[in-house]
């Protein structure tokens, strides 16, 4: 299985993460997903009154130096880690 196929598979698995997944973890996978699918950030930072979008923008900005392949690999690893943690907590 190629990297892109594995990435798509884990993107589907990400939808099954439990509601107890921390916002910090969700922001990390959001940033990695955007970097892997879009590439370097291409929008301006949202204003101070839009905290949710601002946090998402910051998460994407934090990983903008990664290549799309690196971001895919890191995304897959993070999803695996979160799914293992969720299974252990059950």
PDB file of N, CA and C in Angstrom:
ATOM      1  N   UNK A   1       0.856  -1.188   0.000  1.00  0.00           N
ATOM      2  CA  UNK A   1       0.000   0.000   0.000  1.00  0.00           C
ATOM      3  C   UNK A   1       0.892   1.238   0.000  1.00  0.00           C
ATOM      4  N   UNK A   2       0.580   2.162  -0.881  1.00  0.00           N
ATOM      5  CA  UNK A   2       1.363   3.388  -0.971  1.00  0.00           C
ATOM      6  C   UNK A   2       1.018   4.365   0.145  1.00  0.00           C
ATOM      7  N   UNK A   3       1.835   5.374   0.280  1.00  0.00           N
ATOM      8  CA  UNK A   3       1.649   6.367   1.332  1.00  0.00           C
ATOM      9  C   UNK A   3       0.304   7.078   1.204  1.00  0.00           C
ATOM     10  N   UNK A   4      -0.072   7.457  -0.009  1.00  0.00           N
ATOM     11  CA  UNK A   4      -1.339   8.176  -0.199  1.00  0.00           C
ATOM     12  C   UNK A   4      -2.536   7.303   0.157  1.00  0.00           C
ATOM     13  N   UNK A   5      -2.470   6.017  -0.217  1.00  0.00           N
ATOM     14  CA  UNK A   5      -3.568   5.108   0.113  1.00  0.00           C
ATOM     15  C   UNK A   5      -3.671   4.916   1.628  1.00  0.00           C
ATOM     16  N   UNK A   6      -2.513   4.743   2.276  1.00  0.00           N
ATOM     17  CA  UNK A   6      -2.508   4.576   3.731  1.00  0.00           C
ATOM     18  C   UNK A   6      -3.005   5.849   4.422  1.00  0.00           C
ATOM     19  N   UNK A   7      -2.620   6.993   3.877  1.00  0.00           N
ATOM     20  CA  UNK A   7      -3.085   8.279   4.415  1.00  0.00           C
ATOM     21  C   UNK A   7      -4.612   8.369   4.327  1.00  0.00           C
ATOM     22  N   UNK A   8      -5.175   8.024   3.166  1.00  0.00           N
ATOM     23  CA  UNK A   8      -6.626   8.059   2.986  1.00  0.00           C
ATOM     24  C   UNK A   8      -7.326   7.104   3.948  1.00  0.00           C
ATOM     25  N   UNK A   9      -6.746   5.938   4.125  1.00  0.00           N
ATOM     26  CA  UNK A   9      -7.318   4.945   5.049  1.00  0.00           C
ATOM     27  C   UNK A   9      -7.354   5.501   6.480  1.00  0.00           C
ATOM     28  N   UNK A  10      -6.274   6.145   6.896  1.00  0.00           N
ATOM     29  CA  UNK A  10      -6.219   6.688   8.253  1.00  0.00           C
ATOM     30  C   UNK A  10      -7.076   7.949   8.396  1.00  0.00           C
ATOM     31  N   UNK A  11      -7.274   8.666   7.306  1.00  0.00           N
ATOM     32  CA  UNK A  11      -8.193   9.808   7.348  1.00  0.00           C
ATOM     33  C   UNK A  11      -9.605   9.311   7.629  1.00  0.00           C
ATOM     34  N   UNK A  12      -9.963   8.158   7.069  1.00  0.00           N
ATOM     35  CA  UNK A  12     -11.269   7.554   7.357  1.00  0.00           C
ATOM     36  C   UNK A  12     -11.335   7.087   8.812  1.00  0.00           C
ATOM     37  N   UNK A  13     -10.254   6.460   9.280  1.00  0.00           N
ATOM     38  CA  UNK A  13     -10.209   5.986  10.666  1.00  0.00           C
ATOM     39  C   UNK A  13     -10.300   7.150  11.653  1.00  0.00           C
ATOM     40  N   UNK A  14      -9.804   8.312  11.262  1.00  0.00           N
ATOM     41  CA  UNK A  14      -9.826   9.480  12.147  1.00  0.00           C
ATOM     42  C   UNK A  14     -11.250   9.857  12.519  1.00  0.00           C
ATOM     43  N   UNK A  15     -12.185   9.537  11.652  1.00  0.00           N
ATOM     44  CA  UNK A  15     -13.594   9.845  11.920  1.00  0.00           C
ATOM     45  C   UNK A  15     -14.145   9.007  13.073  1.00  0.00           C
ATOM     46  N   UNK A  16     -13.436   7.927  13.417  1.00  0.00           N
ATOM     47  CA  UNK A  16     -13.908   7.049  14.489  1.00  0.00           C
ATOM     48  C   UNK A  16     -13.263   7.368  15.834  1.00  0.00           C
ATOM     49  N   UNK A  17     -12.467   8.419  15.887  1.00  0.00           N
ATOM     50  CA  UNK A  17     -11.834   8.777  17.164  1.00  0.00           C
ATOM     51  C   UNK A  17     -12.909   9.120  18.192  1.00  0.00           C
ATOM     52  N   UNK A  18     -12.687   8.752  19.446  1.00  0.00           N
ATOM     53  CA  UNK A  18     -13.699   9.010  20.468  1.00  0.00           C
ATOM     54  C   UNK A  18     -13.845  10.499  20.786  1.00  0.00           C
ATOM     55  N   UNK A  19     -14.987  10.845  21.362  1.00  0.00           N
ATOM     56  CA  UNK A  19     -15.239  12.236  21.746  1.00  0.00           C
ATOM     57  C   UNK A  19     -14.281  12.723  22.823  1.00  0.00           C
ATOM     58  N   UNK A  20     -13.604  11.790  23.472  1.00  0.00           N
ATOM     59  CA  UNK A  20     -12.672  12.162  24.540  1.00  0.00           C
ATOM     60  C   UNK A  20     -11.311  12.599  24.002  1.00  0.00           C
ATOM     61  N   UNK A  21     -11.114  12.549  22.692  1.00  0.00           N
ATOM     62  CA  UNK A  21      -9.855  13.003  22.087  1.00  0.00           C
ATOM     63  C   UNK A  21      -9.668  14.480  22.418  1.00  0.00           C
ATOM     64  N   UNK A  22      -8.476  14.832  22.898  1.00  0.00           N
ATOM     65  CA  UNK A  22      -8.232  16.212  23.336  1.00  0.00           C
ATOM     66  C   UNK A  22      -8.220  17.184  22.166  1.00  0.00           C
ATOM     67  N   UNK A  23      -8.553  18.428  22.463  1.00  0.00           N
ATOM     68  CA  UNK A  23      -8.493  19.469  21.432  1.00  0.00           C
ATOM     69  C   UNK A  23      -7.080  19.605  20.892  1.00  0.00           C
ATOM     70  N   UNK A  24      -6.090  19.462  21.762  1.00  0.00           N
ATOM     71  CA  UNK A  24      -4.696  19.565  21.327  1.00  0.00           C
ATOM     72  C   UNK A  24      -4.384  18.508  20.262  1.00  0.00           C
ATOM     73  N   UNK A  25      -4.813  17.280  20.501  1.00  0.00           N
ATOM     74  CA  UNK A  25      -4.593  16.196  19.526  1.00  0.00           C
ATOM     75  C   UNK A  25      -5.351  16.462  18.236  1.00  0.00           C
ATOM     76  N   UNK A  26      -6.582  16.933  18.369  1.00  0.00           N
ATOM     77  CA  UNK A  26      -7.375  17.234  17.173  1.00  0.00           C
ATOM     78  C   UNK A  26      -6.730  18.340  16.340  1.00  0.00           C
ATOM     79  N   UNK A  27      -6.163  19.332  17.008  1.00  0.00           N
ATOM     80  CA  UNK A  27      -5.489  20.413  16.276  1.00  0.00           C
ATOM     81  C   UNK A  27      -4.235  19.904  15.576  1.00  0.00           C
ATOM     82  N   UNK A  28      -3.519  19.004  16.225  1.00  0.00           N
ATOM     83  CA  UNK A  28      -2.312  18.432  15.608  1.00  0.00           C
ATOM     84  C   UNK A  28      -2.692  17.685  14.330  1.00  0.00           C
ATOM     85  N   UNK A  29      -3.716  16.836  14.412  1.00  0.00           N
ATOM     86  CA  UNK A  29      -4.075  16.076  13.208  1.00  0.00           C
ATOM     87  C   UNK A  29      -4.690  16.984  12.145  1.00  0.00           C
ATOM     88  N   UNK A  30      -5.376  18.037  12.562  1.00  0.00           N
ATOM     89  CA  UNK A  30      -5.906  19.001  11.587  1.00  0.00           C
ATOM     90  C   UNK A  30      -4.756  19.644  10.811  1.00  0.00           C
ATOM     91  N   UNK A  31      -3.760  20.141  11.537  1.00  0.00           N
ATOM     92  CA  UNK A  31      -2.626  20.802  10.888  1.00  0.00           C
ATOM     93  C   UNK A  31      -1.892  19.871   9.941  1.00  0.00           C
ATOM     94  N   UNK A  32      -1.661  18.637  10.385  1.00  0.00           N
ATOM     95  CA  UNK A  32      -0.973  17.659   9.530  1.00  0.00           C
ATOM     96  C   UNK A  32      -1.807  17.310   8.304  1.00  0.00           C
ATOM     97  N   UNK A  33      -3.119  17.178   8.485  1.00  0.00           N
ATOM     98  CA  UNK A  33      -4.002  16.854   7.358  1.00  0.00           C
ATOM     99  C   UNK A  33      -3.965  17.975   6.319  1.00  0.00           C
ATOM    100  N   UNK A  34      -4.084  19.209   6.780  1.00  0.00           N
ATOM    101  CA  UNK A  34      -4.067  20.346   5.849  1.00  0.00           C
ATOM    102  C   UNK A  34      -2.727  20.441   5.126  1.00  0.00           C
ATOM    103  N   UNK A  35      -1.633  20.224   5.850  1.00  0.00           N
ATOM    104  CA  UNK A  35      -0.309  20.285   5.234  1.00  0.00           C
ATOM    105  C   UNK A  35      -0.155  19.176   4.195  1.00  0.00           C
ATOM    106  N   UNK A  36      -0.692  17.996   4.508  1.00  0.00           N
ATOM    107  CA  UNK A  36      -0.574  16.850   3.597  1.00  0.00           C
ATOM    108  C   UNK A  36      -1.441  17.018   2.353  1.00  0.00           C
ATOM    109  N   UNK A  37      -2.601  17.649   2.499  1.00  0.00           N
ATOM    110  CA  UNK A  37      -3.520  17.741   1.367  1.00  0.00           C
ATOM    111  C   UNK A  37      -3.433  19.048   0.589  1.00  0.00           C
ATOM    112  N   UNK A  38      -3.119  20.150   1.270  1.00  0.00           N
ATOM    113  CA  UNK A  38      -3.085  21.464   0.613  1.00  0.00           C
ATOM    114  C   UNK A  38      -1.656  21.949   0.416  1.00  0.00           C
ATOM    115  N   UNK A  39      -0.791  21.650   1.393  1.00  0.00           N
ATOM    116  CA  UNK A  39       0.570  22.159   1.367  1.00  0.00           C
ATOM    117  C   UNK A  39       0.686  23.345   2.314  1.00  0.00           C
ATOM    118  N   UNK A  40       1.699  24.177   2.124  1.00  0.00           N
ATOM    119  CA  UNK A  40       1.904  25.315   3.026  1.00  0.00           C
ATOM    120  C   UNK A  40       0.670  26.209   3.129  1.00  0.00           C
ATOM    121  N   UNK A  41       0.492  26.760   4.294  1.00  0.00           N
ATOM    122  CA  UNK A  41      -0.682  27.591   4.586  1.00  0.00           C
ATOM    123  C   UNK A  41      -0.803  28.714   3.560  1.00  0.00           C
ATOM    124  N   UNK A  42      -2.028  28.965   3.118  1.00  0.00           N
ATOM    125  CA  UNK A  42      -2.239  29.915   2.032  1.00  0.00           C
ATOM    126  C   UNK A  42      -3.302  30.961   2.360  1.00  0.00           C
ATOM    127  N   UNK A  43      -3.568  31.145   3.641  1.00  0.00           N
ATOM    128  CA  UNK A  43      -4.555  32.140   4.061  1.00  0.00           C
ATOM    129  C   UNK A  43      -3.964  33.011   5.158  1.00  0.00           C
ATOM    130  N   UNK A  44      -4.580  34.148   5.398  1.00  0.00           N
ATOM    131  CA  UNK A  44      -4.114  34.997   6.483  1.00  0.00           C
ATOM    132  C   UNK A  44      -4.727  34.520   7.795  1.00  0.00           C
ATOM    133  N   UNK A  45      -4.077  34.856   8.898  1.00  0.00           N
ATOM    134  CA  UNK A  45      -4.523  34.413  10.220  1.00  0.00           C
ATOM    135  C   UNK A  45      -5.846  35.075  10.584  1.00  0.00           C
ATOM    136  N   UNK A  46      -6.811  34.270  11.045  1.00  0.00           N
ATOM    137  CA  UNK A  46      -8.100  34.839  11.458  1.00  0.00           C
ATOM    138  C   UNK A  46      -7.943  35.814  12.627  1.00  0.00           C
ATOM    139  N   UNK A  47      -8.908  36.676  12.772  1.00  0.00           N
ATOM    140  CA  UNK A  47      -8.869  37.685  13.815  1.00  0.00           C
ATOM    141  C   UNK A  47      -9.013  37.115  15.217  1.00  0.00           C
ATOM    142  N   UNK A  48      -8.732  37.947  16.196  1.00  0.00           N
ATOM    143  CA  UNK A  48      -8.714  37.548  17.603  1.00  0.00           C
ATOM    144  C   UNK A  48     -10.070  37.060  18.102  1.00  0.00           C
ATOM    145  N   UNK A  49     -11.152  37.494  17.485  1.00  0.00           N
ATOM    146  CA  UNK A  49     -12.481  37.098  17.947  1.00  0.00           C
ATOM    147  C   UNK A  49     -12.938  35.766  17.355  1.00  0.00           C
ATOM    148  N   UNK A  50     -12.137  35.205  16.483  1.00  0.00           N
ATOM    149  CA  UNK A  50     -12.456  33.919  15.874  1.00  0.00           C
ATOM    150  C   UNK A  50     -11.456  32.880  16.405  1.00  0.00           C
ATOM    151  N   UNK A  51     -11.581  32.543  17.684  1.00  0.00           N
ATOM    152  CA  UNK A  51     -10.602  31.697  18.362  1.00  0.00           C
ATOM    153  C   UNK A  51     -10.486  30.291  17.758  1.00  0.00           C
ATOM    154  N   UNK A  52     -11.598  29.702  17.367  1.00  0.00           N
ATOM    155  CA  UNK A  52     -11.574  28.346  16.823  1.00  0.00           C
ATOM    156  C   UNK A  52     -10.758  28.280  15.536  1.00  0.00           C
ATOM    157  N   UNK A  53     -11.071  29.153  14.588  1.00  0.00           N
ATOM    158  CA  UNK A  53     -10.345  29.155  13.320  1.00  0.00           C
ATOM    159  C   UNK A  53      -8.905  29.602  13.500  1.00  0.00           C
ATOM    160  N   UNK A  54      -8.684  30.483  14.457  1.00  0.00           N
ATOM    161  CA  UNK A  54      -7.323  30.949  14.742  1.00  0.00           C
ATOM    162  C   UNK A  54      -6.459  29.793  15.262  1.00  0.00           C
ATOM    163  N   UNK A  55      -7.030  28.960  16.135  1.00  0.00           N
ATOM    164  CA  UNK A  55      -6.299  27.798  16.664  1.00  0.00           C
ATOM    165  C   UNK A  55      -5.994  26.805  15.541  1.00  0.00           C
ATOM    166  N   UNK A  56      -6.952  26.595  14.652  1.00  0.00           N
ATOM    167  CA  UNK A  56      -6.739  25.696  13.523  1.00  0.00           C
ATOM    168  C   UNK A  56      -5.654  26.248  12.596  1.00  0.00           C
ATOM    169  N   UNK A  57      -5.676  27.552  12.358  1.00  0.00           N
ATOM    170  CA  UNK A  57      -4.681  28.188  11.503  1.00  0.00           C
ATOM    171  C   UNK A  57      -3.292  28.019  12.129  1.00  0.00           C
ATOM    172  N   UNK A  58      -3.198  28.257  13.446  1.00  0.00           N
ATOM    173  CA  UNK A  58      -1.917  28.119  14.156  1.00  0.00           C
ATOM    174  C   UNK A  58      -1.385  26.684  14.068  1.00  0.00           C
ATOM    175  N   UNK A  59      -2.288  25.701  14.174  1.00  0.00           N
ATOM    176  CA  UNK A  59      -1.878  24.295  14.090  1.00  0.00           C
ATOM    177  C   UNK A  59      -1.313  23.974  12.712  1.00  0.00           C
ATOM    178  N   UNK A  60      -1.919  24.521  11.678  1.00  0.00           N
ATOM    179  CA  UNK A  60      -1.429  24.307  10.312  1.00  0.00           C
ATOM    180  C   UNK A  60      -0.103  25.032  10.119  1.00  0.00           C
ATOM    181  N   UNK A  61      -0.011  26.249  10.612  1.00  0.00           N
ATOM    182  CA  UNK A  61       1.211  27.045  10.480  1.00  0.00           C
ATOM    183  C   UNK A  61       2.391  26.348  11.158  1.00  0.00           C
ATOM    184  N   UNK A  62       2.119  25.653  12.277  1.00  0.00           N
ATOM    185  CA  UNK A  62       3.175  24.994  13.041  1.00  0.00           C
ATOM    186  C   UNK A  62       3.868  23.879  12.257  1.00  0.00           C
ATOM    187  N   UNK A  63       3.204  23.333  11.247  1.00  0.00           N
ATOM    188  CA  UNK A  63       3.786  22.215  10.487  1.00  0.00           C
ATOM    189  C   UNK A  63       4.085  22.589   9.037  1.00  0.00           C
ATOM    190  N   UNK A  64       4.061  23.873   8.709  1.00  0.00           N
ATOM    191  CA  UNK A  64       4.224  24.274   7.309  1.00  0.00           C
ATOM    192  C   UNK A  64       5.601  23.957   6.726  1.00  0.00           C
ATOM    193  N   UNK A  65       6.593  23.701   7.580  1.00  0.00           N
ATOM    194  CA  UNK A  65       7.926  23.388   7.058  1.00  0.00           C
ATOM    195  C   UNK A  65       8.047  21.921   6.626  1.00  0.00           C
ATOM    196  N   UNK A  66       7.074  21.099   6.957  1.00  0.00           N
ATOM    197  CA  UNK A  66       7.101  19.688   6.571  1.00  0.00           C
ATOM    198  C   UNK A  66       6.692  19.539   5.103  1.00  0.00           C
ATOM    199  N   UNK A  67       7.288  18.538   4.453  1.00  0.00           N
ATOM    200  CA  UNK A  67       6.848  18.216   3.092  1.00  0.00           C
ATOM    201  C   UNK A  67       5.490  17.529   3.202  1.00  0.00           C
ATOM    202  N   UNK A  68       4.788  17.433   2.078  1.00  0.00           N
ATOM    203  CA  UNK A  68       3.484  16.778   2.120  1.00  0.00           C
ATOM    204  C   UNK A  68       3.629  15.303   2.504  1.00  0.00           C
ATOM    205  N   UNK A  69       4.711  14.666   2.071  1.00  0.00           N
ATOM    206  CA  UNK A  69       4.940  13.265   2.426  1.00  0.00           C
ATOM    207  C   UNK A  69       5.222  13.123   3.919  1.00  0.00           C
ATOM    208  N   UNK A  70       6.041  14.025   4.475  1.00  0.00           N
ATOM    209  CA  UNK A  70       6.311  14.010   5.916  1.00  0.00           C
ATOM    210  C   UNK A  70       5.026  14.199   6.711  1.00  0.00           C
ATOM    211  N   UNK A  71       4.207  15.133   6.272  1.00  0.00           N
ATOM    212  CA  UNK A  71       2.947  15.401   6.968  1.00  0.00           C
ATOM    213  C   UNK A  71       2.038  14.178   6.908  1.00  0.00           C
ATOM    214  N   UNK A  72       1.998  13.485   5.768  1.00  0.00           N
ATOM    215  CA  UNK A  72       1.187  12.274   5.661  1.00  0.00           C
ATOM    216  C   UNK A  72       1.686  11.215   6.638  1.00  0.00           C
ATOM    217  N   UNK A  73       2.990  11.002   6.689  1.00  0.00           N
ATOM    218  CA  UNK A  73       3.564   9.999   7.594  1.00  0.00           C
ATOM    219  C   UNK A  73       3.280  10.347   9.051  1.00  0.00           C
ATOM    220  N   UNK A  74       3.458  11.606   9.410  1.00  0.00           N
ATOM    221  CA  UNK A  74       3.204  12.035  10.788  1.00  0.00           C
ATOM    222  C   UNK A  74       1.720  11.910  11.136  1.00  0.00           C
ATOM    223  N   UNK A  75       0.858  12.211  10.182  1.00  0.00           N
ATOM    224  CA  UNK A  75      -0.587  12.096  10.378  1.00  0.00           C
ATOM    225  C   UNK A  75      -0.961  10.637  10.658  1.00  0.00           C
ATOM    226  N   UNK A  76      -0.448   9.738   9.844  1.00  0.00           N
ATOM    227  CA  UNK A  76      -0.729   8.311  10.014  1.00  0.00           C
ATOM    228  C   UNK A  76      -0.268   7.850  11.398  1.00  0.00           C
ATOM    229  N   UNK A  77       0.943   8.245  11.790  1.00  0.00           N
ATOM    230  CA  UNK A  77       1.479   7.854  13.100  1.00  0.00           C
ATOM    231  C   UNK A  77       0.616   8.400  14.237  1.00  0.00           C
ATOM    232  N   UNK A  78       0.165   9.642  14.112  1.00  0.00           N
ATOM    233  CA  UNK A  78      -0.648  10.252  15.170  1.00  0.00           C
ATOM    234  C   UNK A  78      -2.009   9.562  15.270  1.00  0.00           C
ATOM    235  N   UNK A  79      -2.632   9.248  14.148  1.00  0.00           N
ATOM    236  CA  UNK A  79      -3.925   8.559  14.174  1.00  0.00           C
ATOM    237  C   UNK A  79      -3.760   7.182  14.816  1.00  0.00           C
ATOM    238  N   UNK A  80      -2.700   6.459  14.444  1.00  0.00           N
ATOM    239  CA  UNK A  80      -2.444   5.145  15.056  1.00  0.00           C
ATOM    240  C   UNK A  80      -2.310   5.280  16.565  1.00  0.00           C
ATOM    241  N   UNK A  81      -1.544   6.283  17.000  1.00  0.00           N
ATOM    242  CA  UNK A  81      -1.328   6.507  18.429  1.00  0.00           C
ATOM    243  C   UNK A  81      -2.651   6.798  19.141  1.00  0.00           C
ATOM    244  N   UNK A  82      -3.467   7.672  18.578  1.00  0.00           N
ATOM    245  CA  UNK A  82      -4.738   8.038  19.208  1.00  0.00           C
ATOM    246  C   UNK A  82      -5.704   6.850  19.254  1.00  0.00           C
ATOM    247  N   UNK A  83      -5.721   6.032  18.212  1.00  0.00           N
ATOM    248  CA  UNK A  83      -6.595   4.856  18.198  1.00  0.00           C
ATOM    249  C   UNK A  83      -6.134   3.823  19.227  1.00  0.00           C
ATOM    250  N   UNK A  84      -4.813   3.665  19.373  1.00  0.00           N
ATOM    251  CA  UNK A  84      -4.288   2.740  20.383  1.00  0.00           C
ATOM    252  C   UNK A  84      -4.633   3.221  21.785  1.00  0.00           C
ATOM    253  N   UNK A  85      -4.483   4.528  22.028  1.00  0.00           N
ATOM    254  CA  UNK A  85      -4.832   5.103  23.338  1.00  0.00           C
ATOM    255  C   UNK A  85      -6.315   4.909  23.632  1.00  0.00           C
ATOM    256  N   UNK A  86      -7.155   5.091  22.629  1.00  0.00           N
ATOM    257  CA  UNK A  86      -8.600   4.943  22.809  1.00  0.00           C
ATOM    258  C   UNK A  86      -8.940   3.479  23.121  1.00  0.00           C
ATOM    259  N   UNK A  87      -8.282   2.545  22.445  1.00  0.00           N
ATOM    260  CA  UNK A  87      -8.536   1.121  22.681  1.00  0.00           C
ATOM    261  C   UNK A  87      -8.078   0.713  24.083  1.00  0.00           C
ATOM    262  N   UNK A  88      -6.958   1.273  24.530  1.00  0.00           N
ATOM    263  CA  UNK A  88      -6.445   0.952  25.862  1.00  0.00           C
ATOM    264  C   UNK A  88      -7.345   1.508  26.960  1.00  0.00           C
ATOM    265  N   UNK A  89      -8.031   2.609  26.669  1.00  0.00           N
ATOM    266  CA  UNK A  89      -8.880   3.256  27.668  1.00  0.00           C
ATOM    267  C   UNK A  89     -10.230   2.554  27.828  1.00  0.00           C
ATOM    268  N   UNK A  90     -10.560   1.704  26.881  1.00  0.00           N
ATOM    269  CA  UNK A  90     -11.880   1.028  26.940  1.00  0.00           C
ATOM    270  C   UNK A  90     -11.918  -0.051  27.978  1.00  0.00           C
TER     271      UNK A  90
END
